[in-house]
Amino acid sequence: MNNKIKLARQSNMMTQEELARKINVTRQTVGLIEKGEFNPSLKICIAIAKALGKTLDELFWEE
């Protein structure tokens, strides 16, 4: 799941810092989310999806 966020961020040519600024969290929080060490709130999940131009399913749905 979390690698989907990292891959989407990288495909948008965005750094962790840039994504963090867009979703109003710290860079460290983005790193922890990508590593699966932080479970983001629904509000943060929606912000990430909007910032990366993806749906919640594309980023967070586990197959």
N, C-alpha and C. Protein backbone atom coordinates (compact mmCIF):
# COMPACT_ATOMS: atom_id res chain seq x y z
N MET A 1 0.82 -1.20 0.00
CA MET A 1 0.00 0.00 0.00
C MET A 1 0.86 1.25 0.00
N ASN A 2 1.78 1.33 0.91
CA ASN A 2 2.53 2.57 1.09
C ASN A 2 3.46 2.87 -0.08
N ASN A 3 3.93 1.82 -0.76
CA ASN A 3 4.77 2.07 -1.92
C ASN A 3 3.97 2.72 -3.04
N LYS A 4 2.65 2.55 -3.05
CA LYS A 4 1.82 3.20 -4.05
C LYS A 4 1.91 4.72 -3.90
N ILE A 5 1.95 5.17 -2.67
CA ILE A 5 2.04 6.61 -2.42
C ILE A 5 3.39 7.13 -2.91
N LYS A 6 4.45 6.42 -2.56
CA LYS A 6 5.79 6.83 -2.98
C LYS A 6 5.91 6.82 -4.50
N LEU A 7 5.41 5.77 -5.14
CA LEU A 7 5.49 5.70 -6.60
C LEU A 7 4.68 6.81 -7.26
N ALA A 8 3.49 7.10 -6.73
CA ALA A 8 2.67 8.17 -7.28
C ALA A 8 3.35 9.52 -7.09
N ARG A 9 3.95 9.71 -5.93
CA ARG A 9 4.66 10.97 -5.66
C ARG A 9 5.82 11.13 -6.63
N GLN A 10 6.59 10.07 -6.81
CA GLN A 10 7.74 10.13 -7.71
C GLN A 10 7.31 10.32 -9.17
N SER A 11 6.20 9.71 -9.56
CA SER A 11 5.74 9.86 -10.95
C SER A 11 5.26 11.28 -11.21
N ASN A 12 4.88 11.98 -10.15
CA ASN A 12 4.51 13.40 -10.25
C ASN A 12 5.71 14.32 -10.09
N MET A 13 6.91 13.71 -10.04
CA MET A 13 8.16 14.48 -9.89
C MET A 13 8.09 15.40 -8.66
N MET A 14 7.59 14.85 -7.56
CA MET A 14 7.39 15.62 -6.34
C MET A 14 8.26 15.04 -5.23
N THR A 15 8.87 15.90 -4.45
CA THR A 15 9.65 15.45 -3.29
C THR A 15 8.71 15.24 -2.11
N GLN A 16 9.22 14.57 -1.09
CA GLN A 16 8.44 14.42 0.14
C GLN A 16 8.10 15.79 0.73
N GLU A 17 9.04 16.70 0.67
CA GLU A 17 8.83 18.05 1.20
C GLU A 17 7.70 18.76 0.46
N GLU A 18 7.68 18.65 -0.87
CA GLU A 18 6.63 19.30 -1.66
C GLU A 18 5.26 18.72 -1.34
N LEU A 19 5.19 17.39 -1.25
CA LEU A 19 3.91 16.77 -0.90
C LEU A 19 3.48 17.18 0.50
N ALA A 20 4.41 17.19 1.41
CA ALA A 20 4.10 17.58 2.79
C ALA A 20 3.51 18.98 2.84
N ARG A 21 4.10 19.90 2.10
CA ARG A 21 3.58 21.28 2.08
C ARG A 21 2.16 21.32 1.52
N LYS A 22 1.91 20.54 0.46
CA LYS A 22 0.58 20.54 -0.15
C LYS A 22 -0.49 19.98 0.77
N ILE A 23 -0.13 19.03 1.62
CA ILE A 23 -1.14 18.39 2.48
C ILE A 23 -1.06 18.86 3.93
N ASN A 24 -0.17 19.82 4.17
CA ASN A 24 -0.06 20.48 5.49
C ASN A 24 0.37 19.52 6.60
N VAL A 25 1.41 18.73 6.32
CA VAL A 25 2.05 17.88 7.33
C VAL A 25 3.56 18.07 7.19
N THR A 26 4.33 17.42 8.05
CA THR A 26 5.78 17.52 7.95
C THR A 26 6.32 16.51 6.94
N ARG A 27 7.53 16.74 6.46
CA ARG A 27 8.19 15.81 5.56
C ARG A 27 8.36 14.47 6.24
N GLN A 28 8.66 14.50 7.53
CA GLN A 28 8.84 13.27 8.29
C GLN A 28 7.56 12.44 8.29
N THR A 29 6.42 13.10 8.38
CA THR A 29 5.14 12.38 8.35
C THR A 29 4.95 11.68 7.01
N VAL A 30 5.27 12.36 5.93
CA VAL A 30 5.17 11.74 4.60
C VAL A 30 6.08 10.52 4.52
N GLY A 31 7.30 10.65 5.02
CA GLY A 31 8.22 9.52 5.01
C GLY A 31 7.69 8.33 5.81
N LEU A 32 7.11 8.61 6.97
CA LEU A 32 6.56 7.54 7.80
C LEU A 32 5.35 6.89 7.15
N ILE A 33 4.52 7.67 6.48
CA ILE A 33 3.37 7.12 5.76
C ILE A 33 3.87 6.20 4.66
N GLU A 34 4.87 6.65 3.91
CA GLU A 34 5.40 5.84 2.81
C GLU A 34 6.03 4.54 3.31
N LYS A 35 6.61 4.58 4.49
CA LYS A 35 7.23 3.37 5.07
C LYS A 35 6.23 2.48 5.79
N GLY A 36 5.01 2.95 5.93
CA GLY A 36 4.00 2.17 6.63
C GLY A 36 4.11 2.24 8.14
N GLU A 37 4.79 3.25 8.64
CA GLU A 37 4.98 3.40 10.08
C GLU A 37 4.04 4.43 10.70
N PHE A 38 3.18 5.01 9.88
CA PHE A 38 2.20 5.99 10.38
C PHE A 38 0.90 5.75 9.63
N ASN A 39 -0.19 5.62 10.36
CA ASN A 39 -1.49 5.40 9.76
C ASN A 39 -2.20 6.75 9.65
N PRO A 40 -2.29 7.31 8.44
CA PRO A 40 -2.86 8.65 8.30
C PRO A 40 -4.37 8.66 8.51
N SER A 41 -4.87 9.80 8.93
CA SER A 41 -6.31 9.98 9.08
C SER A 41 -6.95 10.03 7.69
N LEU A 42 -8.26 9.89 7.66
CA LEU A 42 -8.98 9.98 6.39
C LEU A 42 -8.75 11.34 5.74
N LYS A 43 -8.70 12.38 6.54
CA LYS A 43 -8.47 13.74 6.02
C LYS A 43 -7.12 13.81 5.30
N ILE A 44 -6.09 13.23 5.88
CA ILE A 44 -4.76 13.23 5.24
C ILE A 44 -4.78 12.35 4.00
N CYS A 45 -5.45 11.21 4.06
CA CYS A 45 -5.54 10.31 2.90
C CYS A 45 -6.17 11.03 1.71
N ILE A 46 -7.26 11.74 1.97
CA ILE A 46 -7.95 12.49 0.91
C ILE A 46 -7.03 13.57 0.35
N ALA A 47 -6.33 14.28 1.22
CA ALA A 47 -5.40 15.33 0.78
C ALA A 47 -4.28 14.75 -0.09
N ILE A 48 -3.75 13.59 0.30
CA ILE A 48 -2.70 12.94 -0.48
C ILE A 48 -3.24 12.58 -1.86
N ALA A 49 -4.41 11.97 -1.90
CA ALA A 49 -5.00 11.56 -3.17
C ALA A 49 -5.21 12.77 -4.09
N LYS A 50 -5.74 13.85 -3.55
CA LYS A 50 -5.96 15.06 -4.35
C LYS A 50 -4.65 15.64 -4.84
N ALA A 51 -3.65 15.70 -3.97
CA ALA A 51 -2.36 16.28 -4.34
C ALA A 51 -1.65 15.47 -5.42
N LEU A 52 -1.89 14.16 -5.43
CA LEU A 52 -1.21 13.28 -6.39
C LEU A 52 -2.08 12.96 -7.60
N GLY A 53 -3.31 13.46 -7.63
CA GLY A 53 -4.19 13.22 -8.76
C GLY A 53 -4.63 11.76 -8.87
N LYS A 54 -4.81 11.12 -7.72
CA LYS A 54 -5.21 9.71 -7.68
C LYS A 54 -6.49 9.58 -6.86
N THR A 55 -7.12 8.41 -6.97
CA THR A 55 -8.27 8.14 -6.12
C THR A 55 -7.79 7.47 -4.84
N LEU A 56 -8.65 7.46 -3.83
CA LEU A 56 -8.31 6.75 -2.59
C LEU A 56 -8.07 5.27 -2.88
N ASP A 57 -8.88 4.68 -3.72
CA ASP A 57 -8.71 3.27 -4.07
C ASP A 57 -7.35 3.01 -4.70
N GLU A 58 -6.94 3.88 -5.61
CA GLU A 58 -5.65 3.69 -6.28
C GLU A 58 -4.48 3.71 -5.29
N LEU A 59 -4.58 4.52 -4.28
CA LEU A 59 -3.47 4.66 -3.33
C LEU A 59 -3.56 3.74 -2.12
N PHE A 60 -4.77 3.47 -1.65
CA PHE A 60 -4.89 2.81 -0.35
C PHE A 60 -5.55 1.44 -0.36
N TRP A 61 -6.17 1.06 -1.48
CA TRP A 61 -6.85 -0.24 -1.51
C TRP A 61 -5.82 -1.35 -1.58
N GLU A 62 -5.96 -2.32 -0.68
CA GLU A 62 -5.04 -3.46 -0.67
C GLU A 62 -5.65 -4.60 -1.46
N GLU A 63 -4.84 -5.18 -2.34
CA GLU A 63 -5.32 -6.30 -3.17
C GLU A 63 -5.01 -7.61 -2.52
